[in-house]
Amino acid sequence: MSEVTSTDKDPCIHHRFLDEAGDTTFYGKGKISVIGNEGSSHCFILGMLKINEPLDTVRKKVIELQQAIAEDSYFHGVPSIEKMKASCGYFLHAKNDLPEVKKMAFDLIKTIDCSFEVVVGRKIPTLYESKHNGKEAEFYADLLSHLLKNKLNAYSKLVLNISHRSKCTTHTNLQKGLSKAVTRAQSKAPDKANDCSVVFNVQQPTAEPLLNIADYFCWAIQRVFERGETRYYDYISDQVAMVQDLYDFEKWKSRGNYYNRQKKLSSDNCLKNNK
């Protein structure tokens, strides 16, 4: 798997930061569906962050915020923070962060010149078996292909900094997602070259602070689909360039399953309401 070097020119042009929200679990014991049960989401979300200013500048802002939170006496003794400090050092993680920390993180995000795109994969057992062969890695690769398909003819190079996710982010599986993206791009624009050079750089979120920003975007969008809670998404929605509800087949033909800065998500997108 290729690594990124510090000699990369204009990195904000080529680099993207990918993280996810939700889980890829469909079944429990006896292959009984656990979708929507406690601990199992209704959907899996894969998102991609593009930053339009010097990456080192933004990275420094994130690190400074994380250090400030870790050193702030107001947060001393908070179990989630103390546990992280003791194991790997504190880093922003929306799922576990306190409300006060979330506000600080979202306020930081609003100061960053960035855009976010996300693909939402509803967990549909019949589709999972027929399309993804009942394999979580293939489910992930399919979402990745849709996230990349419109980028391959737009750039000569892309460096995908991806948050590590066990079997899903192996080089083989990421290459499978890329291959699917190339096929889709060629089908859509057969006269294009599709010669974009793609580098995979799988990292732990503790090693790349910019992945923590992607995590926050994913979490905010997940709250809409899982709970119908829009307040976090609404706060940063002007920075969300695209949301594709991939398997919303009722709206698929009219492209009604796409959302953007003009057509925004609402509580109607909650999957609990669409069961």
C-alpha atoms as a PDB file:
ATOM      1  CA  MET A   1       0.000   0.000   0.000  1.00  0.00           C
ATOM      2  CA  SER A   2       1.470   3.310  -1.075  1.00  0.00           C
ATOM      3  CA  GLU A   3       2.465   5.921   1.445  1.00  0.00           C
ATOM      4  CA  VAL A   4       2.384   9.694   0.981  1.00  0.00           C
ATOM      5  CA  THR A   5       5.617  11.665   1.037  1.00  0.00           C
ATOM      6  CA  SER A   6       6.107  15.183   2.309  1.00  0.00           C
ATOM      7  CA  THR A   7       7.324  16.283  -1.138  1.00  0.00           C
ATOM      8  CA  ASP A   8       3.792  16.199  -2.529  1.00  0.00           C
ATOM      9  CA  LYS A   9       3.113  19.581  -4.159  1.00  0.00           C
ATOM     10  CA  ASP A  10      -0.147  21.424  -3.445  1.00  0.00           C
ATOM     11  CA  PRO A  11      -1.426  18.572  -1.236  1.00  0.00           C
ATOM     12  CA  CYS A  12      -4.807  20.170  -0.606  1.00  0.00           C
ATOM     13  CA  ILE A  13      -5.598  19.702  -4.306  1.00  0.00           C
ATOM     14  CA  HIS A  14      -4.925  15.976  -4.340  1.00  0.00           C
ATOM     15  CA  HIS A  15      -5.581  14.777  -0.794  1.00  0.00           C
ATOM     16  CA  ARG A  16      -8.914  13.516   0.491  1.00  0.00           C
ATOM     17  CA  PHE A  17      -9.746  12.234   3.970  1.00  0.00           C
ATOM     18  CA  LEU A  18     -12.199   9.346   4.289  1.00  0.00           C
ATOM     19  CA  ASP A  19     -13.970   8.134   7.408  1.00  0.00           C
ATOM     20  CA  GLU A  20     -17.196   6.345   8.184  1.00  0.00           C
ATOM     21  CA  ALA A  21     -20.105   6.152  10.613  1.00  0.00           C
ATOM     22  CA  GLY A  22     -22.357   3.297  11.590  1.00  0.00           C
ATOM     23  CA  ASP A  23     -21.402  -0.353  11.179  1.00  0.00           C
ATOM     24  CA  THR A  24     -21.442  -3.007   8.481  1.00  0.00           C
ATOM     25  CA  THR A  25     -23.046  -5.722  10.626  1.00  0.00           C
ATOM     26  CA  PHE A  26     -26.222  -7.294   9.243  1.00  0.00           C
ATOM     27  CA  TYR A  27     -26.659 -10.497  11.262  1.00  0.00           C
ATOM     28  CA  GLY A  28     -26.305 -11.906  14.725  1.00  0.00           C
ATOM     29  CA  LYS A  29     -26.253 -15.533  15.800  1.00  0.00           C
ATOM     30  CA  GLY A  30     -28.248 -17.853  13.564  1.00  0.00           C
ATOM     31  CA  LYS A  31     -28.012 -15.265  10.788  1.00  0.00           C
ATOM     32  CA  ILE A  32     -30.852 -13.303  12.335  1.00  0.00           C
ATOM     33  CA  SER A  33     -30.991  -9.666  11.281  1.00  0.00           C
ATOM     34  CA  VAL A  34     -29.858  -7.228  13.946  1.00  0.00           C
ATOM     35  CA  ILE A  35     -30.314  -4.109  11.828  1.00  0.00           C
ATOM     36  CA  GLY A  36     -31.688  -1.278  13.934  1.00  0.00           C
ATOM     37  CA  ASN A  37     -31.148  -3.141  17.202  1.00  0.00           C
ATOM     38  CA  GLU A  38     -29.102  -1.522  19.936  1.00  0.00           C
ATOM     39  CA  GLY A  39     -25.508  -1.411  18.752  1.00  0.00           C
ATOM     40  CA  SER A  40     -26.387  -1.983  15.103  1.00  0.00           C
ATOM     41  CA  SER A  41     -27.149   0.898  12.753  1.00  0.00           C
ATOM     42  CA  HIS A  42     -29.752   1.128   9.978  1.00  0.00           C
ATOM     43  CA  CYS A  43     -27.099   2.255   7.518  1.00  0.00           C
ATOM     44  CA  PHE A  44     -23.396   2.542   6.916  1.00  0.00           C
ATOM     45  CA  ILE A  45     -21.948   5.902   5.884  1.00  0.00           C
ATOM     46  CA  LEU A  46     -18.704   6.558   4.035  1.00  0.00           C
ATOM     47  CA  GLY A  47     -17.619  10.170   3.623  1.00  0.00           C
ATOM     48  CA  MET A  48     -14.815  12.112   1.959  1.00  0.00           C
ATOM     49  CA  LEU A  49     -13.391  15.465   3.084  1.00  0.00           C
ATOM     50  CA  LYS A  50     -11.736  17.956   0.745  1.00  0.00           C
ATOM     51  CA  ILE A  51      -9.816  20.816   2.362  1.00  0.00           C
ATOM     52  CA  ASN A  52      -9.220  23.926   0.277  1.00  0.00           C
ATOM     53  CA  GLU A  53      -6.464  25.526   2.321  1.00  0.00           C
ATOM     54  CA  PRO A  54      -2.988  24.437   3.448  1.00  0.00           C
ATOM     55  CA  LEU A  55      -3.335  21.073   5.169  1.00  0.00           C
ATOM     56  CA  ASP A  56      -0.634  21.754   7.734  1.00  0.00           C
ATOM     57  CA  THR A  57      -2.475  24.900   8.856  1.00  0.00           C
ATOM     58  CA  VAL A  58      -5.711  23.002   9.449  1.00  0.00           C
ATOM     59  CA  ARG A  59      -3.894  20.077  11.015  1.00  0.00           C
ATOM     60  CA  LYS A  60      -2.264  22.459  13.475  1.00  0.00           C
ATOM     61  CA  LYS A  61      -5.673  23.907  14.413  1.00  0.00           C
ATOM     62  CA  VAL A  62      -7.049  20.449  15.151  1.00  0.00           C
ATOM     63  CA  ILE A  63      -4.005  19.444  17.196  1.00  0.00           C
ATOM     64  CA  GLU A  64      -4.163  22.679  19.203  1.00  0.00           C
ATOM     65  CA  LEU A  65      -7.838  22.102  19.988  1.00  0.00           C
ATOM     66  CA  GLN A  66      -7.189  18.523  21.043  1.00  0.00           C
ATOM     67  CA  GLN A  67      -4.339  19.608  23.298  1.00  0.00           C
ATOM     68  CA  ALA A  68      -6.461  22.378  24.814  1.00  0.00           C
ATOM     69  CA  ILE A  69      -9.239  19.899  25.626  1.00  0.00           C
ATOM     70  CA  ALA A  70      -6.804  17.390  27.102  1.00  0.00           C
ATOM     71  CA  GLU A  71      -5.223  20.064  29.324  1.00  0.00           C
ATOM     72  CA  ASP A  72      -8.408  21.892  30.328  1.00  0.00           C
ATOM     73  CA  SER A  73      -9.119  21.309  34.009  1.00  0.00           C
ATOM     74  CA  TYR A  74     -12.866  21.467  33.248  1.00  0.00           C
ATOM     75  CA  PHE A  75     -12.524  18.083  31.519  1.00  0.00           C
ATOM     76  CA  HIS A  76     -10.253  16.438  34.088  1.00  0.00           C
ATOM     77  CA  GLY A  77     -11.717  13.187  35.351  1.00  0.00           C
ATOM     78  CA  VAL A  78     -14.052  12.650  32.395  1.00  0.00           C
ATOM     79  CA  PRO A  79     -13.751   8.875  31.794  1.00  0.00           C
ATOM     80  CA  SER A  80     -13.829   8.977  27.981  1.00  0.00           C
ATOM     81  CA  ILE A  81     -11.152  11.672  27.835  1.00  0.00           C
ATOM     82  CA  GLU A  82      -8.940  10.176  30.543  1.00  0.00           C
ATOM     83  CA  LYS A  83      -9.082   6.752  28.883  1.00  0.00           C
ATOM     84  CA  MET A  84      -7.916   8.179  25.561  1.00  0.00           C
ATOM     85  CA  LYS A  85      -5.188  10.246  27.211  1.00  0.00           C
ATOM     86  CA  ALA A  86      -3.867   7.154  28.959  1.00  0.00           C
ATOM     87  CA  SER A  87      -3.889   4.896  25.902  1.00  0.00           C
ATOM     88  CA  CYS A  88      -3.107   6.894  22.744  1.00  0.00           C
ATOM     89  CA  GLY A  89      -3.537  10.547  23.599  1.00  0.00           C
ATOM     90  CA  TYR A  90      -6.755  12.520  23.289  1.00  0.00           C
ATOM     91  CA  PHE A  91      -8.223  13.013  19.816  1.00  0.00           C
ATOM     92  CA  LEU A  92     -11.594  14.244  18.588  1.00  0.00           C
ATOM     93  CA  HIS A  93     -14.126  11.455  18.175  1.00  0.00           C
ATOM     94  CA  ALA A  94     -17.710  12.596  17.806  1.00  0.00           C
ATOM     95  CA  LYS A  95     -19.378   9.409  19.059  1.00  0.00           C
ATOM     96  CA  ASN A  96     -17.665   9.642  22.450  1.00  0.00           C
ATOM     97  CA  ASP A  97     -17.096  13.378  22.858  1.00  0.00           C
ATOM     98  CA  LEU A  98     -18.966  15.444  25.447  1.00  0.00           C
ATOM     99  CA  PRO A  99     -21.540  18.013  24.234  1.00  0.00           C
ATOM    100  CA  GLU A 100     -19.164  20.835  25.199  1.00  0.00           C
ATOM    101  CA  VAL A 101     -16.395  19.250  23.125  1.00  0.00           C
ATOM    102  CA  LYS A 102     -18.719  18.708  20.176  1.00  0.00           C
ATOM    103  CA  LYS A 103     -19.560  22.421  20.153  1.00  0.00           C
ATOM    104  CA  MET A 104     -15.868  23.310  20.134  1.00  0.00           C
ATOM    105  CA  ALA A 105     -15.186  20.864  17.299  1.00  0.00           C
ATOM    106  CA  PHE A 106     -18.099  22.036  15.159  1.00  0.00           C
ATOM    107  CA  ASP A 107     -17.102  25.667  15.690  1.00  0.00           C
ATOM    108  CA  LEU A 108     -13.621  24.785  14.442  1.00  0.00           C
ATOM    109  CA  ILE A 109     -15.048  23.005  11.395  1.00  0.00           C
ATOM    110  CA  LYS A 110     -17.003  26.115  10.440  1.00  0.00           C
ATOM    111  CA  THR A 111     -13.738  28.083  10.225  1.00  0.00           C
ATOM    112  CA  ILE A 112     -12.225  25.626   7.720  1.00  0.00           C
ATOM    113  CA  ASP A 113     -12.557  26.090   3.969  1.00  0.00           C
ATOM    114  CA  CYS A 114     -13.664  22.565   3.146  1.00  0.00           C
ATOM    115  CA  SER A 115     -16.362  20.457   1.541  1.00  0.00           C
ATOM    116  CA  PHE A 116     -17.707  17.018   2.363  1.00  0.00           C
ATOM    117  CA  GLU A 117     -19.298  14.313   0.234  1.00  0.00           C
ATOM    118  CA  VAL A 118     -20.926  11.183   1.605  1.00  0.00           C
ATOM    119  CA  VAL A 119     -22.528   7.984   0.393  1.00  0.00           C
ATOM    120  CA  VAL A 120     -25.155   6.380   2.632  1.00  0.00           C
ATOM    121  CA  GLY A 121     -25.700   2.649   2.286  1.00  0.00           C
ATOM    122  CA  ARG A 122     -28.965   1.408   3.740  1.00  0.00           C
ATOM    123  CA  LYS A 123     -28.598  -2.063   5.248  1.00  0.00           C
ATOM    124  CA  ILE A 124     -30.969  -4.196   3.149  1.00  0.00           C
ATOM    125  CA  PRO A 125     -30.360  -7.940   3.708  1.00  0.00           C
ATOM    126  CA  THR A 126     -31.636  -9.109   0.304  1.00  0.00           C
ATOM    127  CA  LEU A 127     -29.439  -6.578  -1.487  1.00  0.00           C
ATOM    128  CA  TYR A 128     -26.496  -7.409   0.762  1.00  0.00           C
ATOM    129  CA  GLU A 129     -26.740 -11.072  -0.222  1.00  0.00           C
ATOM    130  CA  SER A 130     -27.330 -10.553  -3.945  1.00  0.00           C
ATOM    131  CA  LYS A 131     -25.077  -7.562  -4.619  1.00  0.00           C
ATOM    132  CA  HIS A 132     -22.350  -7.901  -1.999  1.00  0.00           C
ATOM    133  CA  ASN A 133     -22.307 -11.694  -1.589  1.00  0.00           C
ATOM    134  CA  GLY A 134     -23.042 -11.300   2.101  1.00  0.00           C
ATOM    135  CA  LYS A 135     -19.596  -9.784   2.709  1.00  0.00           C
ATOM    136  CA  GLU A 136     -19.020  -6.608   4.690  1.00  0.00           C
ATOM    137  CA  ALA A 137     -15.888  -5.766   2.693  1.00  0.00           C
ATOM    138  CA  GLU A 138     -17.816  -5.819  -0.590  1.00  0.00           C
ATOM    139  CA  PHE A 139     -20.494  -3.577   0.946  1.00  0.00           C
ATOM    140  CA  TYR A 140     -17.748  -1.090   1.846  1.00  0.00           C
ATOM    141  CA  ALA A 141     -16.128  -1.353  -1.608  1.00  0.00           C
ATOM    142  CA  ASP A 142     -19.436  -0.599  -3.328  1.00  0.00           C
ATOM    143  CA  LEU A 143     -19.916   2.597  -1.332  1.00  0.00           C
ATOM    144  CA  LEU A 144     -16.308   3.591  -2.022  1.00  0.00           C
ATOM    145  CA  SER A 145     -16.815   3.162  -5.763  1.00  0.00           C
ATOM    146  CA  HIS A 146     -19.761   5.556  -5.776  1.00  0.00           C
ATOM    147  CA  LEU A 147     -17.777   8.072  -3.747  1.00  0.00           C
ATOM    148  CA  LEU A 148     -14.933   7.999  -6.297  1.00  0.00           C
ATOM    149  CA  LYS A 149     -16.671   7.510  -9.649  1.00  0.00           C
ATOM    150  CA  ASN A 150     -17.072  11.225 -10.458  1.00  0.00           C
ATOM    151  CA  LYS A 151     -13.534  12.103  -9.382  1.00  0.00           C
ATOM    152  CA  LEU A 152     -11.522   9.926 -11.744  1.00  0.00           C
ATOM    153  CA  ASN A 153     -11.938  12.190 -14.757  1.00  0.00           C
ATOM    154  CA  ALA A 154     -11.588  15.383 -12.773  1.00  0.00           C
ATOM    155  CA  TYR A 155      -8.103  14.899 -11.335  1.00  0.00           C
ATOM    156  CA  SER A 156      -4.773  13.512 -12.516  1.00  0.00           C
ATOM    157  CA  LYS A 157      -3.952  12.302  -9.010  1.00  0.00           C
ATOM    158  CA  LEU A 158      -5.783  11.546  -5.780  1.00  0.00           C
ATOM    159  CA  VAL A 159      -4.306  10.593  -2.425  1.00  0.00           C
ATOM    160  CA  LEU A 160      -6.966   8.906  -0.315  1.00  0.00           C
ATOM    161  CA  ASN A 161      -6.178   9.100   3.390  1.00  0.00           C
ATOM    162  CA  ILE A 162      -8.511   6.475   4.790  1.00  0.00           C
ATOM    163  CA  SER A 163      -9.415   5.664   8.363  1.00  0.00           C
ATOM    164  CA  HIS A 164      -8.430   2.061   9.089  1.00  0.00           C
ATOM    165  CA  ARG A 165     -11.294  -0.444   9.245  1.00  0.00           C
ATOM    166  CA  SER A 166      -9.998  -4.036   9.569  1.00  0.00           C
ATOM    167  CA  LYS A 167     -10.936  -6.190   6.543  1.00  0.00           C
ATOM    168  CA  CYS A 168     -12.646  -3.347   4.689  1.00  0.00           C
ATOM    169  CA  THR A 169      -9.539  -1.227   4.165  1.00  0.00           C
ATOM    170  CA  THR A 170      -7.102  -3.867   2.952  1.00  0.00           C
ATOM    171  CA  HIS A 171      -5.311  -2.934  -0.265  1.00  0.00           C
ATOM    172  CA  THR A 172      -7.208  -5.690  -2.108  1.00  0.00           C
ATOM    173  CA  ASN A 173     -10.607  -4.409  -1.054  1.00  0.00           C
ATOM    174  CA  LEU A 174      -9.783  -0.754  -1.694  1.00  0.00           C
ATOM    175  CA  GLN A 175      -8.528  -1.708  -5.140  1.00  0.00           C
ATOM    176  CA  LYS A 176     -11.808  -3.540  -5.718  1.00  0.00           C
ATOM    177  CA  GLY A 177     -13.720  -0.363  -4.887  1.00  0.00           C
ATOM    178  CA  LEU A 178     -11.473   1.643  -7.209  1.00  0.00           C
ATOM    179  CA  SER A 179     -11.958  -0.844 -10.034  1.00  0.00           C
ATOM    180  CA  LYS A 180     -15.724  -0.553  -9.665  1.00  0.00           C
ATOM    181  CA  ALA A 181     -15.399   3.228  -9.718  1.00  0.00           C
ATOM    182  CA  VAL A 182     -13.380   3.067 -12.948  1.00  0.00           C
ATOM    183  CA  THR A 183     -16.028   0.854 -14.552  1.00  0.00           C
ATOM    184  CA  ARG A 184     -18.779   3.267 -13.551  1.00  0.00           C
ATOM    185  CA  ALA A 185     -16.782   6.274 -14.760  1.00  0.00           C
ATOM    186  CA  GLN A 186     -16.109   4.615 -18.120  1.00  0.00           C
ATOM    187  CA  SER A 187     -19.762   3.731 -18.509  1.00  0.00           C
ATOM    188  CA  LYS A 188     -20.781   7.312 -17.811  1.00  0.00           C
ATOM    189  CA  ALA A 189     -18.070   8.931 -19.953  1.00  0.00           C
ATOM    190  CA  PRO A 190     -16.520   6.361 -22.344  1.00  0.00           C
ATOM    191  CA  ASP A 191     -14.617   9.078 -24.213  1.00  0.00           C
ATOM    192  CA  LYS A 192     -12.689  10.140 -21.104  1.00  0.00           C
ATOM    193  CA  ALA A 193      -9.219   8.869 -20.240  1.00  0.00           C
ATOM    194  CA  ASN A 194      -9.867   7.627 -16.690  1.00  0.00           C
ATOM    195  CA  ASP A 195      -6.129   7.931 -16.057  1.00  0.00           C
ATOM    196  CA  CYS A 196      -6.262   9.352 -12.536  1.00  0.00           C
ATOM    197  CA  SER A 197      -3.469   7.999 -10.335  1.00  0.00           C
ATOM    198  CA  VAL A 198      -4.949   6.916  -6.995  1.00  0.00           C
ATOM    199  CA  VAL A 199      -2.853   6.339  -3.868  1.00  0.00           C
ATOM    200  CA  PHE A 200      -4.301   4.631  -0.786  1.00  0.00           C
ATOM    201  CA  ASN A 201      -2.934   5.799   2.551  1.00  0.00           C
ATOM    202  CA  VAL A 202      -4.673   3.873   5.356  1.00  0.00           C
ATOM    203  CA  GLN A 203      -4.120   5.441   8.758  1.00  0.00           C
ATOM    204  CA  GLN A 204      -5.312   5.377  12.322  1.00  0.00           C
ATOM    205  CA  PRO A 205      -7.317   8.497  13.316  1.00  0.00           C
ATOM    206  CA  THR A 206      -4.791   9.045  16.103  1.00  0.00           C
ATOM    207  CA  ALA A 207      -2.073   9.544  13.477  1.00  0.00           C
ATOM    208  CA  GLU A 208      -3.933  11.917  11.143  1.00  0.00           C
ATOM    209  CA  PRO A 209      -5.922  14.710  12.865  1.00  0.00           C
ATOM    210  CA  LEU A 210      -7.713  15.635   9.631  1.00  0.00           C
ATOM    211  CA  LEU A 211      -9.506  12.288   9.710  1.00  0.00           C
ATOM    212  CA  ASN A 212     -11.165  13.491  12.914  1.00  0.00           C
ATOM    213  CA  ILE A 213     -12.843  16.297  10.970  1.00  0.00           C
ATOM    214  CA  ALA A 214     -14.206  13.730   8.501  1.00  0.00           C
ATOM    215  CA  ASP A 215     -15.432  11.702  11.494  1.00  0.00           C
ATOM    216  CA  TYR A 216     -17.451  14.664  12.741  1.00  0.00           C
ATOM    217  CA  PHE A 217     -19.122  15.215   9.371  1.00  0.00           C
ATOM    218  CA  CYS A 218     -20.025  11.523   9.131  1.00  0.00           C
ATOM    219  CA  TRP A 219     -21.421  11.491  12.655  1.00  0.00           C
ATOM    220  CA  ALA A 220     -23.573  14.576  12.065  1.00  0.00           C
ATOM    221  CA  ILE A 221     -25.069  13.042   8.914  1.00  0.00           C
ATOM    222  CA  GLN A 222     -25.554   9.691  10.605  1.00  0.00           C
ATOM    223  CA  ARG A 223     -27.695  11.364  13.288  1.00  0.00           C
ATOM    224  CA  VAL A 224     -30.104  12.467  10.557  1.00  0.00           C
ATOM    225  CA  PHE A 225     -30.509   8.986   9.084  1.00  0.00           C
ATOM    226  CA  GLU A 226     -30.545   7.096  12.377  1.00  0.00           C
ATOM    227  CA  ARG A 227     -32.493   9.479  14.626  1.00  0.00           C
ATOM    228  CA  GLY A 228     -33.975  12.227  12.462  1.00  0.00           C
ATOM    229  CA  GLU A 229     -31.848  14.664  14.463  1.00  0.00           C
ATOM    230  CA  THR A 230     -30.732  17.491  12.178  1.00  0.00           C
ATOM    231  CA  ARG A 231     -29.231  20.109  14.506  1.00  0.00           C
ATOM    232  CA  TYR A 232     -25.608  19.054  14.017  1.00  0.00           C
ATOM    233  CA  TYR A 233     -25.966  18.599  10.271  1.00  0.00           C
ATOM    234  CA  ASP A 234     -27.811  21.917   9.957  1.00  0.00           C
ATOM    235  CA  TYR A 235     -24.929  23.703  11.657  1.00  0.00           C
ATOM    236  CA  ILE A 236     -22.399  22.575   9.032  1.00  0.00           C
ATOM    237  CA  SER A 237     -24.712  21.785   6.095  1.00  0.00           C
ATOM    238  CA  ASP A 238     -23.297  24.575   3.911  1.00  0.00           C
ATOM    239  CA  GLN A 239     -20.047  22.593   3.860  1.00  0.00           C
ATOM    240  CA  VAL A 240     -21.785  19.352   2.811  1.00  0.00           C
ATOM    241  CA  ALA A 241     -21.593  19.349  -0.976  1.00  0.00           C
ATOM    242  CA  MET A 242     -23.263  16.002  -1.639  1.00  0.00           C
ATOM    243  CA  VAL A 243     -25.132  13.229   0.130  1.00  0.00           C
ATOM    244  CA  GLN A 244     -26.162  10.189  -1.894  1.00  0.00           C
ATOM    245  CA  ASP A 245     -28.719   7.887  -0.269  1.00  0.00           C
ATOM    246  CA  LEU A 246     -27.455   5.094  -2.479  1.00  0.00           C
ATOM    247  CA  TYR A 247     -30.144   2.459  -2.046  1.00  0.00           C
ATOM    248  CA  ASP A 248     -33.199   4.715  -1.821  1.00  0.00           C
ATOM    249  CA  PHE A 249     -34.720   3.070  -4.860  1.00  0.00           C
ATOM    250  CA  GLU A 250     -38.031   4.937  -4.577  1.00  0.00           C
ATOM    251  CA  LYS A 251     -36.254   8.203  -5.392  1.00  0.00           C
ATOM    252  CA  TRP A 252     -33.449   6.753  -7.522  1.00  0.00           C
ATOM    253  CA  LYS A 253     -34.960   7.218 -10.997  1.00  0.00           C
ATOM    254  CA  SER A 254     -35.517  10.950 -10.544  1.00  0.00           C
ATOM    255  CA  ARG A 255     -32.155  11.363  -8.757  1.00  0.00           C
ATOM    256  CA  GLY A 256     -34.180  12.353  -5.715  1.00  0.00           C
ATOM    257  CA  ASN A 257     -31.743  10.346  -3.591  1.00  0.00           C
ATOM    258  CA  TYR A 258     -29.113  13.096  -3.992  1.00  0.00           C
ATOM    259  CA  TYR A 259     -28.860  16.032  -1.585  1.00  0.00           C
ATOM    260  CA  ASN A 260     -26.659  19.113  -1.658  1.00  0.00           C
ATOM    261  CA  ARG A 261     -26.364  22.676  -0.343  1.00  0.00           C
ATOM    262  CA  GLN A 262     -29.628  23.672  -1.998  1.00  0.00           C
ATOM    263  CA  LYS A 263     -31.577  20.481  -1.358  1.00  0.00           C
ATOM    264  CA  LYS A 264     -30.777  19.577   2.227  1.00  0.00           C
ATOM    265  CA  LEU A 265     -31.469  16.614   4.446  1.00  0.00           C
ATOM    266  CA  SER A 266     -34.349  16.800   6.906  1.00  0.00           C
ATOM    267  CA  SER A 267     -35.894  14.640   9.601  1.00  0.00           C
ATOM    268  CA  ASP A 268     -37.829  12.920   6.779  1.00  0.00           C
ATOM    269  CA  ASN A 269     -34.592  11.127   5.899  1.00  0.00           C
ATOM    270  CA  CYS A 270     -34.692   9.186   9.154  1.00  0.00           C
ATOM    271  CA  LEU A 271     -34.655   5.494   8.233  1.00  0.00           C
ATOM    272  CA  LYS A 272     -36.707   4.550  11.277  1.00  0.00           C
ATOM    273  CA  ASN A 273     -39.569   6.471   9.680  1.00  0.00           C
ATOM    274  CA  ASN A 274     -39.122   4.657   6.365  1.00  0.00           C
ATOM    275  CA  LYS A 275     -39.239   1.098   7.629  1.00  0.00           C
END
